Amino acid sequence: MTESAAIAGSVAGDGRIRLFCGLRPSAEAVACLAAWQAEHLPPGAGRVVVPEHLHLTLAFLGHRPASEVAAIGAELRAAAEAAGPVELRPLRYRETRGVGMVVYEDADGTATTLAEDVQARLERIGVYRREQRRWLPHVTVVRFREKAGLRLEPPNTCSIRDVRAALYRSDLGRAPGRNSGARYTELETAALGGR
């Protein structure tokens, strides 16, 4: 039994859980980003995203019935198996009203192709509706109540090459004793290209 099936089985079939599909960077890339956060984000600038939650979102599904987890996991695995190697290079730091992010350049388009494949597969099974805007490869590094207006140099040495596709459960509310915001649990991961 896969972990996603076990999780789905532990929640009533009509119970709803908050889900998203993403890319989990390697431990090396996460450590590089965490070091950049510590060096560049001033104290009090916002809520720094903890290292174990750094990721690139492929598709945010919102609250879905737990009974759909196995099918979503299967589509994510199939898309990951069909994907080629990913190389993402830091491009710039960008802020929206509520978050600061490192935006990446998708060197040969393989990450974008994977995101579009995941989104199309999830749309076909009726669990997702694609957004009008194009997918933007980015890692959220800090969250704010209102835009901080920081002007930061991107972490030029923090390229992302080794990733796994992952299905995450997101539970809102802070973890006890942590400044982490929502808690993410990996329900399933898959290597790209079947490696």
N, C-alpha and C. Protein backbone atom coordinates (compact mmCIF):
# COMPACT_ATOMS: atom_id res chain seq x y z
N MET A 1 0.85 -1.19 0.00
CA MET A 1 0.00 0.00 0.00
C MET A 1 0.89 1.24 0.00
N THR A 2 0.62 2.22 -0.89
CA THR A 2 1.39 3.45 -0.91
C THR A 2 1.00 4.30 0.29
N GLU A 3 1.89 5.27 0.61
CA GLU A 3 1.59 6.14 1.74
C GLU A 3 0.33 6.95 1.48
N SER A 4 0.12 7.36 0.20
CA SER A 4 -1.08 8.15 -0.10
C SER A 4 -2.34 7.32 0.14
N ALA A 5 -2.29 6.04 -0.20
CA ALA A 5 -3.44 5.17 0.05
C ALA A 5 -3.67 5.02 1.55
N ALA A 6 -2.57 4.89 2.32
CA ALA A 6 -2.70 4.75 3.77
C ALA A 6 -3.30 6.02 4.38
N ILE A 7 -2.85 7.20 3.89
CA ILE A 7 -3.39 8.46 4.40
C ILE A 7 -4.87 8.57 4.05
N ALA A 8 -5.21 8.26 2.80
CA ALA A 8 -6.62 8.34 2.38
C ALA A 8 -7.47 7.41 3.23
N GLY A 9 -6.93 6.24 3.54
CA GLY A 9 -7.68 5.28 4.35
C GLY A 9 -7.85 5.73 5.78
N SER A 10 -6.96 6.63 6.24
CA SER A 10 -7.04 7.07 7.63
C SER A 10 -8.01 8.23 7.81
N VAL A 11 -8.53 8.77 6.70
CA VAL A 11 -9.52 9.85 6.74
C VAL A 11 -10.77 9.32 6.08
N ALA A 12 -11.92 9.62 6.64
CA ALA A 12 -13.16 9.15 6.03
C ALA A 12 -13.20 9.57 4.57
N GLY A 13 -13.76 8.72 3.71
CA GLY A 13 -13.78 8.96 2.27
C GLY A 13 -14.33 10.30 1.88
N ASP A 14 -15.27 10.82 2.66
CA ASP A 14 -15.82 12.13 2.34
C ASP A 14 -15.12 13.25 3.11
N GLY A 15 -14.12 12.86 3.97
CA GLY A 15 -13.33 13.88 4.66
C GLY A 15 -12.50 14.65 3.64
N ARG A 16 -12.28 15.94 3.90
CA ARG A 16 -11.56 16.77 2.94
C ARG A 16 -10.21 17.17 3.52
N ILE A 17 -9.20 17.11 2.69
CA ILE A 17 -7.86 17.53 3.09
C ILE A 17 -7.31 18.50 2.06
N ARG A 18 -6.44 19.39 2.50
CA ARG A 18 -5.87 20.42 1.63
C ARG A 18 -4.62 19.85 0.97
N LEU A 19 -4.59 19.88 -0.36
CA LEU A 19 -3.54 19.21 -1.11
C LEU A 19 -2.87 20.13 -2.13
N PHE A 20 -1.60 19.85 -2.40
CA PHE A 20 -0.94 20.45 -3.55
C PHE A 20 0.17 19.52 -4.04
N CYS A 21 0.50 19.64 -5.31
CA CYS A 21 1.61 18.90 -5.90
C CYS A 21 2.78 19.86 -6.06
N GLY A 22 3.97 19.37 -5.80
CA GLY A 22 5.13 20.24 -5.88
C GLY A 22 6.39 19.50 -6.24
N LEU A 23 7.47 20.26 -6.30
CA LEU A 23 8.80 19.70 -6.48
C LEU A 23 9.57 19.91 -5.19
N ARG A 24 10.17 18.84 -4.69
CA ARG A 24 10.98 18.94 -3.48
C ARG A 24 12.45 19.00 -3.90
N PRO A 25 13.12 20.13 -3.63
CA PRO A 25 14.54 20.24 -3.98
C PRO A 25 15.39 19.29 -3.14
N SER A 26 16.60 19.04 -3.62
CA SER A 26 17.54 18.20 -2.88
C SER A 26 17.90 18.86 -1.56
N ALA A 27 18.45 18.06 -0.63
CA ALA A 27 18.88 18.58 0.67
C ALA A 27 19.94 19.66 0.48
N GLU A 28 20.80 19.50 -0.51
CA GLU A 28 21.85 20.48 -0.78
C GLU A 28 21.25 21.83 -1.20
N ALA A 29 20.27 21.81 -2.10
CA ALA A 29 19.63 23.05 -2.55
C ALA A 29 18.86 23.71 -1.39
N VAL A 30 18.20 22.90 -0.57
CA VAL A 30 17.46 23.44 0.59
C VAL A 30 18.44 24.11 1.56
N ALA A 31 19.58 23.46 1.82
CA ALA A 31 20.57 24.04 2.74
C ALA A 31 21.10 25.36 2.19
N CYS A 32 21.32 25.44 0.89
CA CYS A 32 21.79 26.67 0.26
C CYS A 32 20.75 27.79 0.42
N LEU A 33 19.48 27.48 0.16
CA LEU A 33 18.41 28.47 0.31
C LEU A 33 18.26 28.92 1.77
N ALA A 34 18.36 27.97 2.69
CA ALA A 34 18.23 28.30 4.12
C ALA A 34 19.37 29.23 4.55
N ALA A 35 20.58 28.99 4.05
CA ALA A 35 21.71 29.86 4.38
C ALA A 35 21.48 31.26 3.80
N TRP A 36 20.94 31.33 2.60
CA TRP A 36 20.63 32.62 1.97
C TRP A 36 19.56 33.36 2.79
N GLN A 37 18.53 32.64 3.22
CA GLN A 37 17.49 33.26 4.06
C GLN A 37 18.11 33.88 5.32
N ALA A 38 18.95 33.10 5.99
CA ALA A 38 19.56 33.56 7.24
C ALA A 38 20.42 34.80 7.02
N GLU A 39 21.09 34.87 5.87
CA GLU A 39 21.99 35.99 5.59
C GLU A 39 21.25 37.23 5.07
N HIS A 40 20.18 37.04 4.31
CA HIS A 40 19.58 38.16 3.59
C HIS A 40 18.23 38.66 4.13
N LEU A 41 17.51 37.84 4.84
CA LEU A 41 16.20 38.28 5.32
C LEU A 41 16.36 38.94 6.69
N PRO A 42 16.09 40.25 6.78
CA PRO A 42 16.29 40.94 8.05
C PRO A 42 15.33 40.45 9.13
N PRO A 43 15.75 40.46 10.40
CA PRO A 43 14.85 40.05 11.48
C PRO A 43 13.58 40.89 11.45
N GLY A 44 12.45 40.23 11.64
CA GLY A 44 11.18 40.92 11.67
C GLY A 44 10.60 41.24 10.30
N ALA A 45 11.28 40.80 9.22
CA ALA A 45 10.79 41.08 7.87
C ALA A 45 9.52 40.30 7.56
N GLY A 46 9.33 39.20 8.24
CA GLY A 46 8.17 38.35 7.99
C GLY A 46 8.41 36.99 8.61
N ARG A 47 7.58 36.03 8.25
CA ARG A 47 7.71 34.66 8.76
C ARG A 47 8.52 33.86 7.75
N VAL A 48 9.75 33.55 8.11
CA VAL A 48 10.65 32.82 7.23
C VAL A 48 10.13 31.38 7.07
N VAL A 49 10.09 30.89 5.84
CA VAL A 49 9.66 29.51 5.57
C VAL A 49 10.77 28.58 6.02
N VAL A 50 10.42 27.62 6.86
CA VAL A 50 11.42 26.70 7.41
C VAL A 50 11.95 25.78 6.31
N PRO A 51 13.20 25.30 6.45
CA PRO A 51 13.82 24.52 5.38
C PRO A 51 12.99 23.33 4.90
N GLU A 52 12.36 22.60 5.82
CA GLU A 52 11.61 21.40 5.41
C GLU A 52 10.36 21.73 4.60
N HIS A 53 10.00 23.01 4.52
CA HIS A 53 8.81 23.41 3.75
C HIS A 53 9.16 24.13 2.44
N LEU A 54 10.44 24.27 2.13
CA LEU A 54 10.84 24.91 0.88
C LEU A 54 10.53 23.98 -0.29
N HIS A 55 9.81 24.48 -1.29
CA HIS A 55 9.39 23.65 -2.42
C HIS A 55 8.95 24.55 -3.57
N LEU A 56 8.73 23.95 -4.72
CA LEU A 56 8.13 24.65 -5.86
C LEU A 56 6.77 24.03 -6.09
N THR A 57 5.71 24.82 -6.05
CA THR A 57 4.36 24.30 -6.27
C THR A 57 4.13 24.06 -7.75
N LEU A 58 3.63 22.87 -8.08
CA LEU A 58 3.24 22.54 -9.46
C LEU A 58 1.75 22.81 -9.67
N ALA A 59 0.93 22.45 -8.69
CA ALA A 59 -0.52 22.63 -8.79
C ALA A 59 -1.11 22.64 -7.38
N PHE A 60 -1.83 23.70 -7.05
CA PHE A 60 -2.51 23.77 -5.76
C PHE A 60 -3.94 23.31 -5.95
N LEU A 61 -4.33 22.26 -5.25
CA LEU A 61 -5.65 21.67 -5.44
C LEU A 61 -6.68 22.17 -4.43
N GLY A 62 -6.23 22.71 -3.30
CA GLY A 62 -7.15 23.13 -2.26
C GLY A 62 -7.73 21.92 -1.53
N HIS A 63 -8.89 22.09 -0.91
CA HIS A 63 -9.51 21.01 -0.15
C HIS A 63 -10.16 20.01 -1.10
N ARG A 64 -9.73 18.76 -0.99
CA ARG A 64 -10.25 17.68 -1.84
C ARG A 64 -10.66 16.52 -0.95
N PRO A 65 -11.63 15.69 -1.40
CA PRO A 65 -11.97 14.49 -0.64
C PRO A 65 -10.77 13.57 -0.51
N ALA A 66 -10.59 13.02 0.67
CA ALA A 66 -9.46 12.11 0.90
C ALA A 66 -9.50 10.93 -0.05
N SER A 67 -10.68 10.55 -0.51
CA SER A 67 -10.81 9.41 -1.42
C SER A 67 -10.11 9.65 -2.76
N GLU A 68 -9.76 10.90 -3.08
CA GLU A 68 -9.10 11.21 -4.35
C GLU A 68 -7.58 11.12 -4.28
N VAL A 69 -7.04 10.97 -3.09
CA VAL A 69 -5.59 11.02 -2.91
C VAL A 69 -4.87 9.97 -3.76
N ALA A 70 -5.36 8.74 -3.78
CA ALA A 70 -4.67 7.68 -4.54
C ALA A 70 -4.63 8.01 -6.03
N ALA A 71 -5.72 8.51 -6.59
CA ALA A 71 -5.76 8.85 -8.02
C ALA A 71 -4.84 10.03 -8.32
N ILE A 72 -4.81 11.02 -7.44
CA ILE A 72 -3.92 12.17 -7.62
C ILE A 72 -2.47 11.70 -7.57
N GLY A 73 -2.15 10.86 -6.60
CA GLY A 73 -0.79 10.32 -6.49
C GLY A 73 -0.38 9.55 -7.73
N ALA A 74 -1.31 8.77 -8.29
CA ALA A 74 -1.00 7.99 -9.50
C ALA A 74 -0.70 8.91 -10.68
N GLU A 75 -1.46 9.99 -10.83
CA GLU A 75 -1.21 10.93 -11.93
C GLU A 75 0.12 11.65 -11.74
N LEU A 76 0.43 12.02 -10.51
CA LEU A 76 1.71 12.68 -10.24
C LEU A 76 2.87 11.74 -10.55
N ARG A 77 2.76 10.47 -10.15
CA ARG A 77 3.82 9.50 -10.45
C ARG A 77 4.00 9.32 -11.95
N ALA A 78 2.89 9.25 -12.69
CA ALA A 78 2.98 9.07 -14.15
C ALA A 78 3.65 10.28 -14.80
N ALA A 79 3.30 11.48 -14.36
CA ALA A 79 3.92 12.69 -14.92
C ALA A 79 5.41 12.73 -14.58
N ALA A 80 5.75 12.37 -13.35
CA ALA A 80 7.16 12.37 -12.94
C ALA A 80 7.96 11.36 -13.76
N GLU A 81 7.39 10.19 -13.99
CA GLU A 81 8.08 9.16 -14.76
C GLU A 81 8.36 9.61 -16.19
N ALA A 82 7.45 10.41 -16.76
CA ALA A 82 7.60 10.89 -18.14
C ALA A 82 8.53 12.10 -18.23
N ALA A 83 8.91 12.69 -17.10
CA ALA A 83 9.68 13.94 -17.10
C ALA A 83 11.17 13.68 -17.28
N GLY A 84 11.83 14.68 -17.85
CA GLY A 84 13.29 14.64 -17.96
C GLY A 84 13.92 15.35 -16.77
N PRO A 85 15.25 15.39 -16.73
CA PRO A 85 15.94 16.08 -15.64
C PRO A 85 15.61 17.57 -15.64
N VAL A 86 15.56 18.15 -14.47
CA VAL A 86 15.20 19.56 -14.30
C VAL A 86 16.44 20.34 -13.88
N GLU A 87 16.60 21.53 -14.46
CA GLU A 87 17.63 22.46 -13.99
C GLU A 87 17.00 23.84 -13.87
N LEU A 88 17.01 24.35 -12.66
CA LEU A 88 16.43 25.67 -12.36
C LEU A 88 17.52 26.56 -11.79
N ARG A 89 17.65 27.77 -12.38
CA ARG A 89 18.68 28.71 -11.93
C ARG A 89 18.02 29.93 -11.30
N PRO A 90 18.51 30.38 -10.14
CA PRO A 90 17.93 31.57 -9.50
C PRO A 90 18.00 32.77 -10.44
N LEU A 91 16.89 33.47 -10.56
CA LEU A 91 16.80 34.59 -11.49
C LEU A 91 16.66 35.92 -10.74
N ARG A 92 15.71 35.97 -9.78
CA ARG A 92 15.50 37.22 -9.05
C ARG A 92 14.69 36.94 -7.78
N TYR A 93 14.74 37.91 -6.87
CA TYR A 93 13.86 37.91 -5.70
C TYR A 93 12.66 38.76 -6.06
N ARG A 94 11.46 38.30 -5.71
CA ARG A 94 10.23 39.01 -6.05
C ARG A 94 9.27 38.95 -4.87
N GLU A 95 8.48 40.01 -4.71
CA GLU A 95 7.47 40.03 -3.66
C GLU A 95 6.09 40.22 -4.25
N THR A 96 5.12 39.57 -3.63
CA THR A 96 3.72 39.89 -3.85
C THR A 96 3.22 40.48 -2.54
N ARG A 97 1.93 40.70 -2.43
CA ARG A 97 1.41 41.30 -1.20
C ARG A 97 1.73 40.47 0.03
N GLY A 98 1.71 39.13 -0.10
CA GLY A 98 1.85 38.28 1.08
C GLY A 98 3.10 37.43 1.17
N VAL A 99 3.90 37.37 0.10
CA VAL A 99 5.08 36.48 0.15
C VAL A 99 6.27 37.10 -0.57
N GLY A 100 7.46 36.64 -0.15
CA GLY A 100 8.70 36.91 -0.87
C GLY A 100 9.17 35.59 -1.45
N MET A 101 9.66 35.61 -2.67
CA MET A 101 10.03 34.36 -3.34
C MET A 101 11.30 34.52 -4.14
N VAL A 102 11.97 33.40 -4.36
CA VAL A 102 13.07 33.34 -5.32
C VAL A 102 12.48 32.76 -6.59
N VAL A 103 12.54 33.54 -7.68
CA VAL A 103 12.04 33.10 -8.98
C VAL A 103 13.19 32.45 -9.72
N TYR A 104 12.89 31.33 -10.38
CA TYR A 104 13.92 30.56 -11.08
C TYR A 104 13.72 30.60 -12.59
N GLU A 105 14.83 30.50 -13.30
CA GLU A 105 14.80 30.31 -14.74
C GLU A 105 14.78 28.81 -15.01
N ASP A 106 13.85 28.38 -15.81
CA ASP A 106 13.74 26.97 -16.20
C ASP A 106 14.63 26.79 -17.43
N ALA A 107 15.86 26.35 -17.19
CA ALA A 107 16.92 26.39 -18.21
C ALA A 107 16.51 25.82 -19.55
N ASP A 108 15.91 24.64 -19.57
CA ASP A 108 15.53 24.05 -20.86
C ASP A 108 14.03 23.75 -20.97
N GLY A 109 13.26 24.28 -20.03
CA GLY A 109 11.81 24.13 -20.11
C GLY A 109 11.26 22.83 -19.56
N THR A 110 12.11 21.95 -19.02
CA THR A 110 11.60 20.64 -18.57
C THR A 110 10.72 20.76 -17.32
N ALA A 111 11.03 21.71 -16.43
CA ALA A 111 10.18 21.88 -15.24
C ALA A 111 8.81 22.41 -15.64
N THR A 112 8.78 23.33 -16.60
CA THR A 112 7.51 23.87 -17.08
C THR A 112 6.69 22.78 -17.76
N THR A 113 7.36 21.95 -18.55
CA THR A 113 6.68 20.83 -19.22
C THR A 113 6.08 19.89 -18.18
N LEU A 114 6.83 19.61 -17.13
CA LEU A 114 6.32 18.74 -16.06
C LEU A 114 5.12 19.39 -15.38
N ALA A 115 5.21 20.68 -15.04
CA ALA A 115 4.10 21.37 -14.39
C ALA A 115 2.85 21.32 -15.26
N GLU A 116 3.01 21.57 -16.55
CA GLU A 116 1.86 21.54 -17.45
C GLU A 116 1.28 20.14 -17.58
N ASP A 117 2.14 19.12 -17.57
CA ASP A 117 1.66 17.74 -17.64
C ASP A 117 0.87 17.37 -16.39
N VAL A 118 1.42 17.71 -15.22
CA VAL A 118 0.72 17.44 -13.96
C VAL A 118 -0.64 18.13 -13.96
N GLN A 119 -0.67 19.40 -14.33
CA GLN A 119 -1.91 20.16 -14.32
C GLN A 119 -2.94 19.57 -15.29
N ALA A 120 -2.48 19.19 -16.49
CA ALA A 120 -3.40 18.60 -17.48
C ALA A 120 -3.96 17.27 -16.98
N ARG A 121 -3.11 16.44 -16.38
CA ARG A 121 -3.56 15.15 -15.87
C ARG A 121 -4.60 15.33 -14.75
N LEU A 122 -4.33 16.27 -13.85
CA LEU A 122 -5.25 16.50 -12.74
C LEU A 122 -6.56 17.10 -13.23
N GLU A 123 -6.47 17.93 -14.25
CA GLU A 123 -7.69 18.50 -14.83
C GLU A 123 -8.53 17.41 -15.49
N ARG A 124 -7.87 16.47 -16.17
CA ARG A 124 -8.60 15.37 -16.83
C ARG A 124 -9.38 14.52 -15.85
N ILE A 125 -8.84 14.34 -14.65
CA ILE A 125 -9.56 13.50 -13.68
C ILE A 125 -10.51 14.34 -12.80
N GLY A 126 -10.60 15.64 -13.10
CA GLY A 126 -11.61 16.48 -12.45
C GLY A 126 -11.27 16.98 -11.06
N VAL A 127 -9.97 17.06 -10.72
CA VAL A 127 -9.60 17.51 -9.38
C VAL A 127 -8.91 18.87 -9.39
N TYR A 128 -8.76 19.47 -10.56
CA TYR A 128 -7.98 20.70 -10.68
C TYR A 128 -8.47 21.50 -11.88
N ARG A 129 -8.38 22.82 -11.77
CA ARG A 129 -8.66 23.68 -12.91
C ARG A 129 -7.48 24.61 -13.11
N ARG A 130 -6.90 24.55 -14.31
CA ARG A 130 -5.70 25.34 -14.57
C ARG A 130 -5.97 26.84 -14.50
N GLU A 131 -4.96 27.56 -14.01
CA GLU A 131 -5.03 29.01 -13.95
C GLU A 131 -4.75 29.57 -15.33
N GLN A 132 -5.19 30.81 -15.55
CA GLN A 132 -4.96 31.47 -16.84
C GLN A 132 -3.49 31.84 -17.01
N ARG A 133 -2.84 32.21 -15.90
CA ARG A 133 -1.45 32.64 -16.02
C ARG A 133 -0.52 31.44 -16.14
N ARG A 134 0.61 31.69 -16.75
CA ARG A 134 1.62 30.66 -16.95
C ARG A 134 2.29 30.28 -15.63
N TRP A 135 2.69 29.03 -15.52
CA TRP A 135 3.36 28.55 -14.31
C TRP A 135 4.66 29.31 -14.11
N LEU A 136 4.91 29.76 -12.89
CA LEU A 136 6.12 30.49 -12.55
C LEU A 136 6.95 29.65 -11.59
N PRO A 137 8.12 29.17 -12.02
CA PRO A 137 8.94 28.38 -11.09
C PRO A 137 9.51 29.27 -9.99
N HIS A 138 9.12 29.02 -8.76
CA HIS A 138 9.59 29.83 -7.64
C HIS A 138 9.52 29.04 -6.34
N VAL A 139 10.32 29.50 -5.38
CA VAL A 139 10.30 28.97 -4.02
C VAL A 139 9.94 30.12 -3.10
N THR A 140 8.84 29.99 -2.36
CA THR A 140 8.47 30.99 -1.36
C THR A 140 9.44 30.86 -0.19
N VAL A 141 10.08 31.99 0.18
CA VAL A 141 11.09 31.95 1.25
C VAL A 141 10.65 32.71 2.50
N VAL A 142 9.65 33.60 2.35
CA VAL A 142 9.18 34.37 3.50
C VAL A 142 7.72 34.76 3.25
N ARG A 143 6.95 34.85 4.32
CA ARG A 143 5.55 35.27 4.23
C ARG A 143 5.36 36.50 5.10
N PHE A 144 4.54 37.44 4.61
CA PHE A 144 4.29 38.67 5.39
C PHE A 144 2.80 38.93 5.54
N ARG A 145 2.50 39.82 6.49
CA ARG A 145 1.14 40.33 6.60
C ARG A 145 0.89 41.38 5.52
N GLU A 146 1.93 42.16 5.21
CA GLU A 146 1.84 43.10 4.10
C GLU A 146 3.22 43.18 3.46
N LYS A 147 3.25 43.56 2.19
CA LYS A 147 4.48 43.58 1.41
C LYS A 147 5.60 44.31 2.15
N ALA A 148 6.78 43.69 2.19
CA ALA A 148 7.89 44.25 2.95
C ALA A 148 8.72 45.24 2.13
N GLY A 149 8.69 45.13 0.81
CA GLY A 149 9.47 46.03 -0.04
C GLY A 149 10.96 45.76 0.00
N LEU A 150 11.34 44.52 0.26
CA LEU A 150 12.77 44.17 0.29
C LEU A 150 13.31 44.13 -1.14
N ARG A 151 14.54 44.55 -1.30
CA ARG A 151 15.23 44.46 -2.59
C ARG A 151 16.47 43.62 -2.36
N LEU A 152 16.37 42.36 -2.71
CA LEU A 152 17.44 41.41 -2.39
C LEU A 152 18.05 40.82 -3.65
N GLU A 153 19.33 40.56 -3.58
CA GLU A 153 20.00 39.82 -4.65
C GLU A 153 19.60 38.36 -4.54
N PRO A 154 19.35 37.69 -5.67
CA PRO A 154 18.97 36.27 -5.59
C PRO A 154 20.15 35.41 -5.14
N PRO A 155 19.84 34.23 -4.62
CA PRO A 155 20.91 33.31 -4.18
C PRO A 155 21.56 32.63 -5.38
N ASN A 156 22.53 33.32 -6.01
CA ASN A 156 23.07 32.88 -7.30
C ASN A 156 23.66 31.47 -7.30
N THR A 157 24.10 30.99 -6.14
CA THR A 157 24.72 29.66 -6.11
C THR A 157 23.72 28.55 -5.82
N CYS A 158 22.44 28.90 -5.67
CA CYS A 158 21.44 27.91 -5.25
C CYS A 158 20.61 27.37 -6.42
N SER A 159 21.27 26.86 -7.43
CA SER A 159 20.54 26.22 -8.52
C SER A 159 19.88 24.94 -8.00
N ILE A 160 18.80 24.55 -8.66
CA ILE A 160 18.07 23.34 -8.26
C ILE A 160 18.14 22.36 -9.43
N ARG A 161 18.77 21.22 -9.21
CA ARG A 161 18.90 20.21 -10.27
C ARG A 161 18.26 18.89 -9.88
N ASP A 162 18.39 18.52 -8.64
CA ASP A 162 17.92 17.21 -8.19
C ASP A 162 16.63 17.40 -7.41
N VAL A 163 15.51 17.04 -8.02
CA VAL A 163 14.21 17.21 -7.37
C VAL A 163 13.42 15.91 -7.42
N ARG A 164 12.45 15.82 -6.55
CA ARG A 164 11.45 14.76 -6.59
C ARG A 164 10.08 15.43 -6.66
N ALA A 165 9.17 14.85 -7.43
CA ALA A 165 7.79 15.32 -7.42
C ALA A 165 7.16 14.81 -6.12
N ALA A 166 6.29 15.61 -5.53
CA ALA A 166 5.69 15.22 -4.25
C ALA A 166 4.23 15.69 -4.19
N LEU A 167 3.41 14.84 -3.57
CA LEU A 167 2.04 15.22 -3.22
C LEU A 167 2.06 15.57 -1.75
N TYR A 168 1.65 16.80 -1.44
CA TYR A 168 1.68 17.32 -0.08
C TYR A 168 0.28 17.50 0.48
N ARG A 169 0.18 17.22 1.77
CA ARG A 169 -1.01 17.61 2.54
C ARG A 169 -0.62 18.86 3.31
N SER A 170 -1.47 19.87 3.28
CA SER A 170 -1.21 21.13 3.98
C SER A 170 -2.24 21.31 5.08
N ASP A 171 -1.76 21.39 6.30
CA ASP A 171 -2.64 21.62 7.44
C ASP A 171 -2.42 23.04 7.94
N LEU A 172 -3.47 23.84 7.92
CA LEU A 172 -3.36 25.23 8.33
C LEU A 172 -3.21 25.34 9.84
N GLY A 173 -2.57 26.42 10.26
CA GLY A 173 -2.33 26.61 11.69
C GLY A 173 -0.89 26.29 12.01
N ARG A 174 -0.34 27.02 12.91
CA ARG A 174 1.07 26.86 13.22
C ARG A 174 1.36 25.59 13.99
N ALA A 175 2.52 25.02 13.67
CA ALA A 175 2.99 23.88 14.45
C ALA A 175 3.39 24.39 15.83
N PRO A 176 3.14 23.60 16.88
CA PRO A 176 3.46 24.05 18.24
C PRO A 176 4.94 24.44 18.36
N GLY A 177 5.17 25.64 18.91
CA GLY A 177 6.54 26.08 19.16
C GLY A 177 7.32 26.44 17.91
N ARG A 178 6.68 26.51 16.75
CA ARG A 178 7.40 26.81 15.50
C ARG A 178 6.84 28.07 14.88
N ASN A 179 7.63 28.68 14.04
CA ASN A 179 7.20 29.85 13.29
C ASN A 179 6.98 29.44 11.84
N SER A 180 6.30 28.32 11.64
CA SER A 180 6.27 27.72 10.31
C SER A 180 4.98 27.92 9.54
N GLY A 181 3.93 28.45 10.17
CA GLY A 181 2.66 28.59 9.47
C GLY A 181 2.06 27.22 9.21
N ALA A 182 1.54 27.03 7.99
CA ALA A 182 0.95 25.73 7.64
C ALA A 182 2.00 24.63 7.74
N ARG A 183 1.54 23.43 8.07
CA ARG A 183 2.43 22.27 8.14
C ARG A 183 2.21 21.41 6.91
N TYR A 184 3.29 21.03 6.25
CA TYR A 184 3.21 20.21 5.04
C TYR A 184 3.67 18.79 5.36
N THR A 185 2.90 17.83 4.88
CA THR A 185 3.26 16.43 5.03
C THR A 185 3.31 15.82 3.64
N GLU A 186 4.41 15.16 3.31
CA GLU A 186 4.50 14.48 2.02
C GLU A 186 3.71 13.19 2.08
N LEU A 187 2.72 13.05 1.21
CA LEU A 187 1.95 11.82 1.14
C LEU A 187 2.57 10.83 0.18
N GLU A 188 3.27 11.37 -0.81
CA GLU A 188 3.91 10.52 -1.80
C GLU A 188 4.98 11.31 -2.52
N THR A 189 6.08 10.64 -2.90
CA THR A 189 7.08 11.28 -3.74
C THR A 189 7.43 10.36 -4.90
N ALA A 190 7.94 10.97 -5.97
CA ALA A 190 8.30 10.18 -7.15
C ALA A 190 9.53 10.80 -7.80
N ALA A 191 10.47 9.97 -8.18
CA ALA A 191 11.65 10.44 -8.90
C ALA A 191 11.29 10.79 -10.33
N LEU A 192 11.97 11.77 -10.88
CA LEU A 192 11.72 12.14 -12.27
C LEU A 192 12.39 11.14 -13.21
N GLY A 193 11.71 10.83 -14.29
CA GLY A 193 12.28 9.92 -15.28
C GLY A 193 12.38 8.48 -14.80
N GLY A 194 11.66 8.16 -13.72
CA GLY A 194 11.68 6.79 -13.21
C GLY A 194 13.00 6.40 -12.57
N ARG A 195 13.87 7.39 -12.28
CA ARG A 195 15.19 7.08 -11.70
C ARG A 195 15.03 6.80 -10.21
